[in-house]
C-alpha atoms as a PDB file:
ATOM      1  CA  MET A   1     -28.188 -14.129 -19.667  1.00  0.00           C
ATOM      2  CA  PRO A   2     -25.706 -11.104 -21.226  1.00  0.00           C
ATOM      3  CA  GLN A   3     -22.812  -9.603 -18.708  1.00  0.00           C
ATOM      4  CA  LEU A   4     -24.204  -5.622 -18.821  1.00  0.00           C
ATOM      5  CA  ASN A   5     -21.619  -3.268 -17.635  1.00  0.00           C
ATOM      6  CA  ARG A   6     -23.334   0.347 -18.148  1.00  0.00           C
ATOM      7  CA  TRP A   7     -27.109   1.085 -19.045  1.00  0.00           C
ATOM      8  CA  PHE A   8     -26.782   1.526 -22.393  1.00  0.00           C
ATOM      9  CA  ASP A   9     -25.437  -2.107 -22.841  1.00  0.00           C
ATOM     10  CA  ILE A  10     -29.214  -2.881 -22.568  1.00  0.00           C
ATOM     11  CA  PRO A  11     -30.907  -3.668 -25.595  1.00  0.00           C
ATOM     12  CA  ASN A  12     -33.737  -1.569 -27.440  1.00  0.00           C
ATOM     13  CA  LEU A  13     -33.431   0.909 -23.981  1.00  0.00           C
ATOM     14  CA  ARG A  14     -34.567   4.336 -24.603  1.00  0.00           C
ATOM     15  CA  THR A  15     -34.680   7.437 -22.404  1.00  0.00           C
ATOM     16  CA  PRO A  16     -36.586   8.929 -20.382  1.00  0.00           C
ATOM     17  CA  PHE A  17     -36.912   5.411 -17.837  1.00  0.00           C
ATOM     18  CA  LEU A  18     -36.971   5.410 -14.180  1.00  0.00           C
ATOM     19  CA  ALA A  19     -34.330   2.777 -12.406  1.00  0.00           C
ATOM     20  CA  ILE A  20     -34.603   1.678  -9.147  1.00  0.00           C
ATOM     21  CA  ASN A  21     -31.662   0.253  -7.099  1.00  0.00           C
ATOM     22  CA  LEU A  22     -33.963  -2.858  -5.564  1.00  0.00           C
ATOM     23  CA  SER A  23     -31.570  -5.132  -2.953  1.00  0.00           C
ATOM     24  CA  ASN A  24     -32.171  -6.941  -0.020  1.00  0.00           C
ATOM     25  CA  PRO A  25     -29.966  -5.563   2.851  1.00  0.00           C
ATOM     26  CA  LYS A  26     -32.187  -7.297   5.325  1.00  0.00           C
ATOM     27  CA  PRO A  27     -34.459 -10.117   5.676  1.00  0.00           C
ATOM     28  CA  GLU A  28     -37.492  -7.825   5.884  1.00  0.00           C
ATOM     29  CA  SER A  29     -36.698  -6.000   2.596  1.00  0.00           C
ATOM     30  CA  ARG A  30     -36.205  -9.602   1.002  1.00  0.00           C
ATOM     31  CA  GLU A  31     -39.707 -10.553   1.936  1.00  0.00           C
ATOM     32  CA  THR A  32     -41.330  -7.378   0.806  1.00  0.00           C
ATOM     33  CA  ASN A  33     -39.602  -7.486  -2.394  1.00  0.00           C
ATOM     34  CA  ASP A  34     -40.939 -11.427  -2.744  1.00  0.00           C
ATOM     35  CA  LYS A  35     -43.719 -10.347  -2.439  1.00  0.00           C
ATOM     36  CA  LEU A  36     -44.297  -7.366  -5.037  1.00  0.00           C
ATOM     37  CA  PHE A  37     -41.825  -9.172  -8.100  1.00  0.00           C
ATOM     38  CA  PRO A  38     -44.777 -11.708  -9.078  1.00  0.00           C
ATOM     39  CA  LYS A  39     -47.457  -9.337  -8.592  1.00  0.00           C
ATOM     40  CA  ARG A  40     -45.006  -7.189 -11.451  1.00  0.00           C
ATOM     41  CA  GLN A  41     -45.188  -4.695  -8.850  1.00  0.00           C
ATOM     42  CA  THR A  42     -41.970  -2.882  -7.282  1.00  0.00           C
ATOM     43  CA  GLY A  43     -42.026  -0.322  -4.277  1.00  0.00           C
ATOM     44  CA  HIS A  44     -42.508   1.755  -2.082  1.00  0.00           C
ATOM     45  CA  TRP A  45     -40.424   4.759  -3.462  1.00  0.00           C
ATOM     46  CA  PRO A  46     -39.940   8.410  -3.212  1.00  0.00           C
ATOM     47  CA  VAL A  47     -39.316   9.888  -6.952  1.00  0.00           C
ATOM     48  CA  THR A  48     -38.115  13.024  -8.009  1.00  0.00           C
ATOM     49  CA  LYS A  49     -40.204  16.215  -9.135  1.00  0.00           C
ATOM     50  CA  ALA A  50     -39.049  15.337 -12.865  1.00  0.00           C
ATOM     51  CA  VAL A  51     -40.836  12.094 -12.755  1.00  0.00           C
ATOM     52  CA  LEU A  52     -44.449  13.369 -11.480  1.00  0.00           C
ATOM     53  CA  ALA A  53     -44.180  16.344 -13.669  1.00  0.00           C
ATOM     54  CA  HIS A  54     -43.204  14.095 -16.796  1.00  0.00           C
ATOM     55  CA  GLY A  55     -45.554  11.059 -15.839  1.00  0.00           C
ATOM     56  CA  ILE A  56     -44.750   7.738 -15.036  1.00  0.00           C
ATOM     57  CA  GLU A  57     -47.557   5.736 -16.779  1.00  0.00           C
ATOM     58  CA  GLY A  58     -46.251   4.444 -20.091  1.00  0.00           C
ATOM     59  CA  GLN A  59     -42.697   4.862 -19.238  1.00  0.00           C
ATOM     60  CA  THR A  60     -39.799   2.277 -18.282  1.00  0.00           C
ATOM     61  CA  ILE A  61     -38.564   1.594 -15.621  1.00  0.00           C
ATOM     62  CA  VAL A  62     -35.446  -0.872 -14.780  1.00  0.00           C
ATOM     63  CA  LEU A  63     -34.671  -2.704 -12.076  1.00  0.00           C
ATOM     64  CA  PHE A  64     -30.899  -3.173 -10.630  1.00  0.00           C
ATOM     65  CA  TYR A  65     -31.983  -6.036  -8.381  1.00  0.00           C
ATOM     66  CA  SER A  66     -28.584  -6.648  -6.262  1.00  0.00           C
ATOM     67  CA  ASP A  67     -27.799  -9.304  -4.274  1.00  0.00           C
ATOM     68  CA  LYS A  68     -24.526 -10.837  -2.843  1.00  0.00           C
ATOM     69  CA  GLY A  69     -22.422  -8.092  -5.184  1.00  0.00           C
ATOM     70  CA  THR A  70     -24.119  -9.252  -8.455  1.00  0.00           C
ATOM     71  CA  ALA A  71     -27.096  -7.423  -9.461  1.00  0.00           C
ATOM     72  CA  THR A  72     -30.195  -8.646 -12.328  1.00  0.00           C
ATOM     73  CA  ILE A  73     -31.317  -5.816 -14.524  1.00  0.00           C
ATOM     74  CA  TYR A  74     -35.020  -6.598 -14.873  1.00  0.00           C
ATOM     75  CA  VAL A  75     -37.300  -4.157 -17.234  1.00  0.00           C
ATOM     76  CA  GLY A  76     -40.638  -3.291 -17.241  1.00  0.00           C
ATOM     77  CA  THR A  77     -43.440  -0.556 -18.686  1.00  0.00           C
ATOM     78  CA  CYS A  78     -45.081   1.396 -15.791  1.00  0.00           C
ATOM     79  CA  ILE A  79     -48.927   1.154 -15.816  1.00  0.00           C
ATOM     80  CA  SER A  80     -49.597   2.540 -12.334  1.00  0.00           C
ATOM     81  CA  LYS A  81     -48.352   4.333  -9.339  1.00  0.00           C
ATOM     82  CA  CYS A  82     -49.912   4.069  -6.104  1.00  0.00           C
ATOM     83  CA  LYS A  83     -49.034   6.284  -3.078  1.00  0.00           C
ATOM     84  CA  THR A  84     -47.785   3.588  -0.627  1.00  0.00           C
ATOM     85  CA  GLY A  85     -46.664   6.043   2.386  1.00  0.00           C
ATOM     86  CA  GLN A  86     -44.148   8.390   3.097  1.00  0.00           C
ATOM     87  CA  THR A  87     -40.701   9.192   3.524  1.00  0.00           C
ATOM     88  CA  LYS A  88     -38.806  10.290   7.011  1.00  0.00           C
ATOM     89  CA  ASP A  89     -39.542  14.093   5.454  1.00  0.00           C
ATOM     90  CA  ARG A  90     -42.998  13.497   4.784  1.00  0.00           C
ATOM     91  CA  LYS A  91     -42.996  12.741   0.888  1.00  0.00           C
ATOM     92  CA  PRO A  92     -44.614  10.338  -1.069  1.00  0.00           C
ATOM     93  CA  ARG A  93     -43.873   6.753  -1.210  1.00  0.00           C
ATOM     94  CA  TYR A  94     -45.137   4.738  -4.738  1.00  0.00           C
ATOM     95  CA  THR A  95     -45.631   0.905  -5.774  1.00  0.00           C
ATOM     96  CA  PHE A  96     -45.556   1.199  -9.176  1.00  0.00           C
ATOM     97  CA  THR A  97     -46.819  -1.599 -11.322  1.00  0.00           C
ATOM     98  CA  VAL A  98     -45.526  -2.576 -14.581  1.00  0.00           C
ATOM     99  CA  ALA A  99     -47.604  -4.050 -17.795  1.00  0.00           C
ATOM    100  CA  ARG A 100     -46.366  -8.126 -17.624  1.00  0.00           C
ATOM    101  CA  PRO A 101     -43.985  -9.712 -16.007  1.00  0.00           C
ATOM    102  CA  TRP A 102     -40.904  -8.459 -15.404  1.00  0.00           C
ATOM    103  CA  LYS A 103     -37.973  -9.036 -18.029  1.00  0.00           C
ATOM    104  CA  ASP A 104     -34.619 -10.616 -17.204  1.00  0.00           C
ATOM    105  CA  GLU A 105     -31.829  -8.451 -20.016  1.00  0.00           C
ATOM    106  CA  GLY A 106     -29.086 -10.084 -18.052  1.00  0.00           C
ATOM    107  CA  HIS A 107     -26.627  -9.730 -15.141  1.00  0.00           C
ATOM    108  CA  ALA A 108     -24.220  -6.658 -13.751  1.00  0.00           C
ATOM    109  CA  GLU A 109     -21.126  -6.718 -11.752  1.00  0.00           C
ATOM    110  CA  VAL A 110     -20.665  -3.197 -11.012  1.00  0.00           C
ATOM    111  CA  SER A 111     -22.527  -1.082  -8.329  1.00  0.00           C
ATOM    112  CA  PHE A 112     -26.120   0.941  -8.918  1.00  0.00           C
ATOM    113  CA  SER A 113     -24.520   4.244  -9.330  1.00  0.00           C
ATOM    114  CA  ARG A 114     -21.876   3.275 -11.764  1.00  0.00           C
ATOM    115  CA  PHE A 115     -24.120   1.517 -13.968  1.00  0.00           C
ATOM    116  CA  PHE A 116     -26.253   4.452 -14.265  1.00  0.00           C
ATOM    117  CA  GLU A 117     -23.371   6.818 -13.877  1.00  0.00           C
ATOM    118  CA  GLY A 118     -23.879  10.143 -15.240  1.00  0.00           C
ATOM    119  CA  PHE A 119     -27.243  10.323 -14.426  1.00  0.00           C
ATOM    120  CA  ARG A 120     -28.327  12.540 -11.687  1.00  0.00           C
ATOM    121  CA  MET A 121     -28.658  10.162  -8.687  1.00  0.00           C
ATOM    122  CA  SER A 122     -31.847  11.009  -6.147  1.00  0.00           C
ATOM    123  CA  ALA A 123     -30.252  11.660  -2.514  1.00  0.00           C
ATOM    124  CA  ASN A 124     -30.299   8.255  -1.145  1.00  0.00           C
ATOM    125  CA  PRO A 125     -29.571   7.573  -3.957  1.00  0.00           C
ATOM    126  CA  THR A 126     -32.005   4.607  -4.365  1.00  0.00           C
ATOM    127  CA  VAL A 127     -33.703   5.742  -7.734  1.00  0.00           C
ATOM    128  CA  VAL A 128     -32.523   7.796 -10.994  1.00  0.00           C
ATOM    129  CA  TRP A 129     -34.891   9.707 -13.310  1.00  0.00           C
ATOM    130  CA  ALA A 130     -33.057   8.879 -16.678  1.00  0.00           C
ATOM    131  CA  ASP A 131     -33.872  11.427 -18.994  1.00  0.00           C
ATOM    132  CA  MET A 132     -31.098  12.689 -21.482  1.00  0.00           C
ATOM    133  CA  ASN A 133     -31.195  16.300 -21.319  1.00  0.00           C
ATOM    134  CA  GLY A 134     -29.316  15.972 -18.197  1.00  0.00           C
ATOM    135  CA  TYR A 135     -27.355  12.881 -19.105  1.00  0.00           C
ATOM    136  CA  ALA A 136     -23.135  13.612 -18.975  1.00  0.00           C
ATOM    137  CA  SER A 137     -20.914  11.193 -19.825  1.00  0.00           C
ATOM    138  CA  PRO A 138     -18.555   9.952 -17.961  1.00  0.00           C
ATOM    139  CA  THR A 139     -14.783  11.058 -19.540  1.00  0.00           C
ATOM    140  CA  GLY A 140     -12.884   8.580 -21.393  1.00  0.00           C
ATOM    141  CA  GLU A 141     -15.993   6.240 -21.369  1.00  0.00           C
ATOM    142  CA  GLU A 142     -17.577   7.403 -24.867  1.00  0.00           C
ATOM    143  CA  PHE A 143     -17.038   4.136 -26.743  1.00  0.00           C
ATOM    144  CA  TYR A 144     -15.923   0.284 -26.022  1.00  0.00           C
ATOM    145  CA  ARG A 145     -13.757  -1.265 -28.139  1.00  0.00           C
ATOM    146  CA  GLU A 146     -13.574  -5.562 -28.688  1.00  0.00           C
ATOM    147  CA  GLU A 147     -11.615  -7.303 -25.861  1.00  0.00           C
ATOM    148  CA  ASN A 148      -9.331  -8.849 -28.417  1.00  0.00           C
ATOM    149  CA  ASP A 149      -8.765  -5.552 -30.344  1.00  0.00           C
ATOM    150  CA  SER A 150      -5.339  -3.531 -29.180  1.00  0.00           C
ATOM    151  CA  ARG A 151      -5.018  -1.753 -31.442  1.00  0.00           C
ATOM    152  CA  GLU A 152      -6.044   2.122 -31.285  1.00  0.00           C
ATOM    153  CA  GLY A 153      -6.947   4.248 -34.600  1.00  0.00           C
ATOM    154  CA  GLU A 154      -6.334   1.691 -36.495  1.00  0.00           C
ATOM    155  CA  GLY A 155     -10.016   1.408 -38.734  1.00  0.00           C
ATOM    156  CA  GLY A 156     -12.622  -1.025 -36.976  1.00  0.00           C
ATOM    157  CA  GLY A 157     -15.558  -0.900 -35.415  1.00  0.00           C
ATOM    158  CA  TYR A 158     -17.085   0.516 -32.378  1.00  0.00           C
ATOM    159  CA  ASN A 159     -20.086   2.241 -30.175  1.00  0.00           C
ATOM    160  CA  VAL A 160     -20.148   5.925 -29.966  1.00  0.00           C
ATOM    161  CA  LEU A 161     -22.417   6.944 -26.997  1.00  0.00           C
ATOM    162  CA  GLY A 162     -24.084  10.122 -28.340  1.00  0.00           C
ATOM    163  CA  ILE A 163     -26.837  12.253 -27.544  1.00  0.00           C
ATOM    164  CA  SER A 164     -29.464  12.441 -29.895  1.00  0.00           C
ATOM    165  CA  SER A 165     -33.310  14.057 -30.085  1.00  0.00           C
ATOM    166  CA  GLN A 166     -35.968  11.652 -29.594  1.00  0.00           C
ATOM    167  CA  ARG A 167     -39.592  11.086 -31.345  1.00  0.00           C
ATOM    168  CA  ILE A 168     -41.485  11.096 -27.686  1.00  0.00           C
ATOM    169  CA  GLY A 169     -45.123   9.762 -28.516  1.00  0.00           C
ATOM    170  CA  HIS A 170     -43.958   7.736 -31.981  1.00  0.00           C
ATOM    171  CA  GLY A 171     -44.942   4.093 -30.493  1.00  0.00           C
ATOM    172  CA  VAL A 172     -48.447   5.666 -29.723  1.00  0.00           C
ATOM    173  CA  PHE A 173     -48.612   6.426 -33.492  1.00  0.00           C
ATOM    174  CA  VAL A 174     -47.506   3.789 -34.567  1.00  0.00           C
ATOM    175  CA  GLN A 175     -50.219   1.922 -32.534  1.00  0.00           C
ATOM    176  CA  ARG A 176     -52.558   4.207 -33.695  1.00  0.00           C
ATOM    177  CA  VAL A 177     -52.148   3.538 -37.294  1.00  0.00           C
ATOM    178  CA  VAL A 178     -51.919  -0.467 -36.491  1.00  0.00           C
ATOM    179  CA  ASP A 179     -55.868  -0.024 -34.890  1.00  0.00           C
ATOM    180  CA  VAL A 180     -57.037   1.526 -37.999  1.00  0.00           C
ATOM    181  CA  TRP A 181     -55.260  -0.614 -40.827  1.00  0.00           C
ATOM    182  CA  GLY A 182     -53.605  -4.033 -39.099  1.00  0.00           C
ATOM    183  CA  ARG A 183     -50.425  -4.970 -39.676  1.00  0.00           C
ATOM    184  CA  ARG A 184     -50.914  -5.490 -43.872  1.00  0.00           C
ATOM    185  CA  CYS A 185     -49.942  -2.742 -45.929  1.00  0.00           C
ATOM    186  CA  ALA A 186     -52.790  -0.598 -46.931  1.00  0.00           C
ATOM    187  CA  LEU A 187     -51.818  -0.810 -50.669  1.00  0.00           C
ATOM    188  CA  THR A 188     -50.575  -3.995 -51.252  1.00  0.00           C
ATOM    189  CA  ASN A 189     -52.370  -6.251 -48.284  1.00  0.00           C
ATOM    190  CA  ILE A 190     -48.685  -7.398 -47.523  1.00  0.00           C
ATOM    191  CA  GLU A 191     -48.340  -8.838 -44.183  1.00  0.00           C
ATOM    192  CA  THR A 192     -44.264  -9.659 -43.194  1.00  0.00           C
ATOM    193  CA  PRO A 193     -42.996  -8.283 -39.932  1.00  0.00           C
ATOM    194  CA  ARG A 194     -40.287  -5.227 -40.472  1.00  0.00           C
ATOM    195  CA  LEU A 195     -41.421  -4.907 -44.259  1.00  0.00           C
ATOM    196  CA  VAL A 196     -44.357  -3.297 -43.701  1.00  0.00           C
ATOM    197  CA  GLN A 197     -43.820  -0.058 -41.699  1.00  0.00           C
ATOM    198  CA  ALA A 198     -46.244   2.873 -40.086  1.00  0.00           C
ATOM    199  CA  CYS A 199     -45.557   6.299 -42.504  1.00  0.00           C
ATOM    200  CA  HIS A 200     -46.534   9.705 -41.465  1.00  0.00           C
ATOM    201  CA  ILE A 201     -48.085  11.770 -44.321  1.00  0.00           C
ATOM    202  CA  VAL A 202     -47.336  15.009 -43.195  1.00  0.00           C
ATOM    203  CA  PRO A 203     -43.975  14.530 -41.847  1.00  0.00           C
ATOM    204  CA  TRP A 204     -43.044  14.788 -38.262  1.00  0.00           C
ATOM    205  CA  SER A 205     -40.985  17.426 -38.890  1.00  0.00           C
ATOM    206  CA  GLU A 206     -43.437  19.594 -40.305  1.00  0.00           C
ATOM    207  CA  ALA A 207     -46.670  18.382 -37.805  1.00  0.00           C
ATOM    208  CA  THR A 208     -48.074  19.703 -34.662  1.00  0.00           C
ATOM    209  CA  PRO A 209     -47.534  17.706 -31.134  1.00  0.00           C
ATOM    210  CA  GLU A 210     -51.035  16.820 -31.938  1.00  0.00           C
ATOM    211  CA  GLU A 211     -50.567  15.357 -35.909  1.00  0.00           C
ATOM    212  CA  ARG A 212     -47.490  13.394 -34.860  1.00  0.00           C
ATOM    213  CA  THR A 213     -49.736  10.565 -33.015  1.00  0.00           C
ATOM    214  CA  SER A 214     -52.920  10.900 -35.299  1.00  0.00           C
ATOM    215  CA  ALA A 215     -53.999   7.889 -36.786  1.00  0.00           C
ATOM    216  CA  HIS A 216     -55.398  10.141 -39.996  1.00  0.00           C
ATOM    217  CA  ASN A 217     -51.670  11.117 -40.440  1.00  0.00           C
ATOM    218  CA  GLY A 218     -50.923   7.807 -41.226  1.00  0.00           C
ATOM    219  CA  LEU A 219     -50.858   4.916 -43.731  1.00  0.00           C
ATOM    220  CA  MET A 220     -49.098   1.468 -43.114  1.00  0.00           C
ATOM    221  CA  LEU A 221     -47.011   0.883 -46.671  1.00  0.00           C
ATOM    222  CA  CYS A 222     -44.253  -1.743 -47.538  1.00  0.00           C
ATOM    223  CA  ALA A 223     -40.788  -0.125 -46.673  1.00  0.00           C
ATOM    224  CA  HIS A 224     -40.238   0.577 -50.747  1.00  0.00           C
ATOM    225  CA  LEU A 225     -43.407   2.557 -50.459  1.00  0.00           C
ATOM    226  CA  HIS A 226     -42.850   4.408 -47.155  1.00  0.00           C
ATOM    227  CA  ALA A 227     -39.483   5.586 -48.461  1.00  0.00           C
ATOM    228  CA  LEU A 228     -41.043   6.425 -52.140  1.00  0.00           C
ATOM    229  CA  PHE A 229     -44.121   8.127 -50.395  1.00  0.00           C
ATOM    230  CA  ASP A 230     -41.876  10.010 -48.091  1.00  0.00           C
ATOM    231  CA  SER A 231     -39.478  11.062 -51.275  1.00  0.00           C
ATOM    232  CA  HIS A 232     -42.996  12.427 -52.750  1.00  0.00           C
ATOM    233  CA  LEU A 233     -43.050  10.157 -55.428  1.00  0.00           C
ATOM    234  CA  ILE A 234     -46.135   8.421 -54.891  1.00  0.00           C
ATOM    235  CA  SER A 235     -49.047   9.973 -53.013  1.00  0.00           C
ATOM    236  CA  PHE A 236     -52.762   8.878 -52.974  1.00  0.00           C
ATOM    237  CA  ASP A 237     -55.920  11.206 -53.598  1.00  0.00           C
ATOM    238  CA  ALA A 238     -59.251  11.365 -51.738  1.00  0.00           C
ATOM    239  CA  ASP A 239     -60.823   8.375 -53.273  1.00  0.00           C
ATOM    240  CA  GLY A 240     -57.331   6.476 -52.308  1.00  0.00           C
ATOM    241  CA  HIS A 241     -56.349   5.782 -55.606  1.00  0.00           C
ATOM    242  CA  LEU A 242     -52.388   5.637 -55.905  1.00  0.00           C
ATOM    243  CA  LEU A 243     -50.923   8.731 -57.407  1.00  0.00           C
ATOM    244  CA  LEU A 244     -46.926   8.330 -59.507  1.00  0.00           C
ATOM    245  CA  ALA A 245     -44.954  11.214 -59.977  1.00  0.00           C
ATOM    246  CA  ASP A 246     -44.684  11.970 -63.490  1.00  0.00           C
ATOM    247  CA  GLY A 247     -41.486  11.031 -65.272  1.00  0.00           C
ATOM    248  CA  ILE A 248     -40.676   8.482 -62.454  1.00  0.00           C
ATOM    249  CA  ASP A 249     -37.901   5.777 -63.172  1.00  0.00           C
ATOM    250  CA  ALA A 250     -39.867   2.665 -65.037  1.00  0.00           C
ATOM    251  CA  SER A 251     -38.033   0.083 -62.947  1.00  0.00           C
ATOM    252  CA  VAL A 252     -39.355   1.927 -60.051  1.00  0.00           C
ATOM    253  CA  ARG A 253     -42.755   2.210 -61.436  1.00  0.00           C
ATOM    254  CA  ALA A 254     -42.844  -1.032 -62.224  1.00  0.00           C
ATOM    255  CA  LEU A 255     -41.702  -2.307 -58.995  1.00  0.00           C
ATOM    256  CA  THR A 256     -44.695   0.142 -56.573  1.00  0.00           C
ATOM    257  CA  LEU A 257     -47.547  -1.323 -59.854  1.00  0.00           C
ATOM    258  CA  ALA A 258     -46.110  -5.210 -58.528  1.00  0.00           C
ATOM    259  CA  GLY A 259     -48.487  -6.459 -56.650  1.00  0.00           C
ATOM    260  CA  GLY A 260     -51.382  -5.483 -58.750  1.00  0.00           C
ATOM    261  CA  GLN A 261     -52.878  -2.715 -56.327  1.00  0.00           C
ATOM    262  CA  VAL A 262     -53.624   0.909 -57.549  1.00  0.00           C
ATOM    263  CA  ARG A 263     -55.905   1.984 -55.157  1.00  0.00           C
ATOM    264  CA  LEU A 264     -55.915   2.153 -50.723  1.00  0.00           C
ATOM    265  CA  ARG A 265     -58.022  -0.706 -49.240  1.00  0.00           C
ATOM    266  CA  GLU A 266     -60.062   1.896 -47.555  1.00  0.00           C
ATOM    267  CA  ILE A 267     -61.254   5.362 -48.455  1.00  0.00           C
ATOM    268  CA  PRO A 268     -59.330   8.144 -46.644  1.00  0.00           C
ATOM    269  CA  SER A 269     -61.209   9.742 -43.623  1.00  0.00           C
ATOM    270  CA  ALA A 270     -61.811  13.618 -44.000  1.00  0.00           C
ATOM    271  CA  ARG A 271     -59.207  14.669 -41.773  1.00  0.00           C
ATOM    272  CA  GLN A 272     -56.564  12.249 -43.935  1.00  0.00           C
ATOM    273  CA  ILE A 273     -57.650  13.969 -46.957  1.00  0.00           C
ATOM    274  CA  GLU A 274     -56.163  17.240 -45.220  1.00  0.00           C
ATOM    275  CA  PHE A 275     -53.077  15.358 -44.848  1.00  0.00           C
ATOM    276  CA  LEU A 276     -53.205  13.952 -48.255  1.00  0.00           C
ATOM    277  CA  ARG A 277     -53.676  17.482 -49.732  1.00  0.00           C
ATOM    278  CA  ARG A 278     -50.619  18.625 -47.702  1.00  0.00           C
ATOM    279  CA  HIS A 279     -48.609  16.080 -49.054  1.00  0.00           C
ATOM    280  CA  HIS A 280     -49.538  16.748 -52.547  1.00  0.00           C
ATOM    281  CA  GLU A 281     -48.445  20.778 -52.070  1.00  0.00           C
ATOM    282  CA  THR A 282     -44.936  19.752 -50.798  1.00  0.00           C
ATOM    283  CA  ALA A 283     -44.591  17.573 -53.738  1.00  0.00           C
ATOM    284  CA  HIS A 284     -45.547  20.200 -56.002  1.00  0.00           C
ATOM    285  CA  LYS A 285     -43.165  22.601 -54.610  1.00  0.00           C
ATOM    286  CA  ALA A 286     -40.880  20.182 -54.982  1.00  0.00           C
ATOM    287  CA  GLY A 287     -41.064  20.162 -58.471  1.00  0.00           C
ATOM    288  CA  ARG A 288     -43.300  16.978 -58.655  1.00  0.00           C
ATOM    289  CA  ARG A 289     -46.353  16.693 -60.716  1.00  0.00           C
ATOM    290  CA  LEU A 290     -48.679  13.394 -59.003  1.00  0.00           C
ATOM    291  CA  VAL A 291     -50.962  11.139 -62.216  1.00  0.00           C
ATOM    292  CA  ARG A 292     -53.624   9.054 -61.181  1.00  0.00           C
ATOM    293  CA  VAL A 293     -52.602   5.412 -62.112  1.00  0.00           C
END
């Protein structure tokens, strides 16, 4: 199991998430944790106003399960919370349940506060609402170098910890498009993991919040078709027929038609036709003339 030094060493972890310091300083603590853990639960925790305002259902929970100086890092996706008591100052405590058994991501030999340094701790501190909007990268820890790299500033690659915007709800969009089209390309019918992708018809940057996660605003396309679609070199008409940009390079045309299919597997819905119309308008503004194959 890998050694983890900081929260960003956890694979595929995205913010926001709730981090909980789960330890067993007393026998009764261990007894409680041992009962809850196999049930995919953890409790009983006070949470910040930020957690309640944002909503915890569907968000990631990271357990920092410490025991005798070593912590095991578990990750799960919260599906529900339940009030199970209150603190001394009468604030509610919650027990959280995750969708699947807790996933063991690795081990840490640092403290909870050190592992999540940069995020605001709760008053205890036992919980952290890890939101990048409130993250302050600790001085001098913007990146890690390889252990055997003694040279500084001489080429070599390293990871930089940065703050970037994230598409909250993109996972919902992907699942909704998969529910409609399955995991096969809507044009070629190819089904290959990582090759077939959920593609926005109207880009995220130009769509309303509701449109960004709408299944009608999406297609499952092979990666090369996705790139061509985003570049307005291909599109589809109201009947689902393939449209190609006039004057498209012959090799790109041949690649697009290599699968032998020129029509979507399903006729677009009324709402999808409207999204495609907006896609055509943007193509026109970009100087593209789309021609039916």
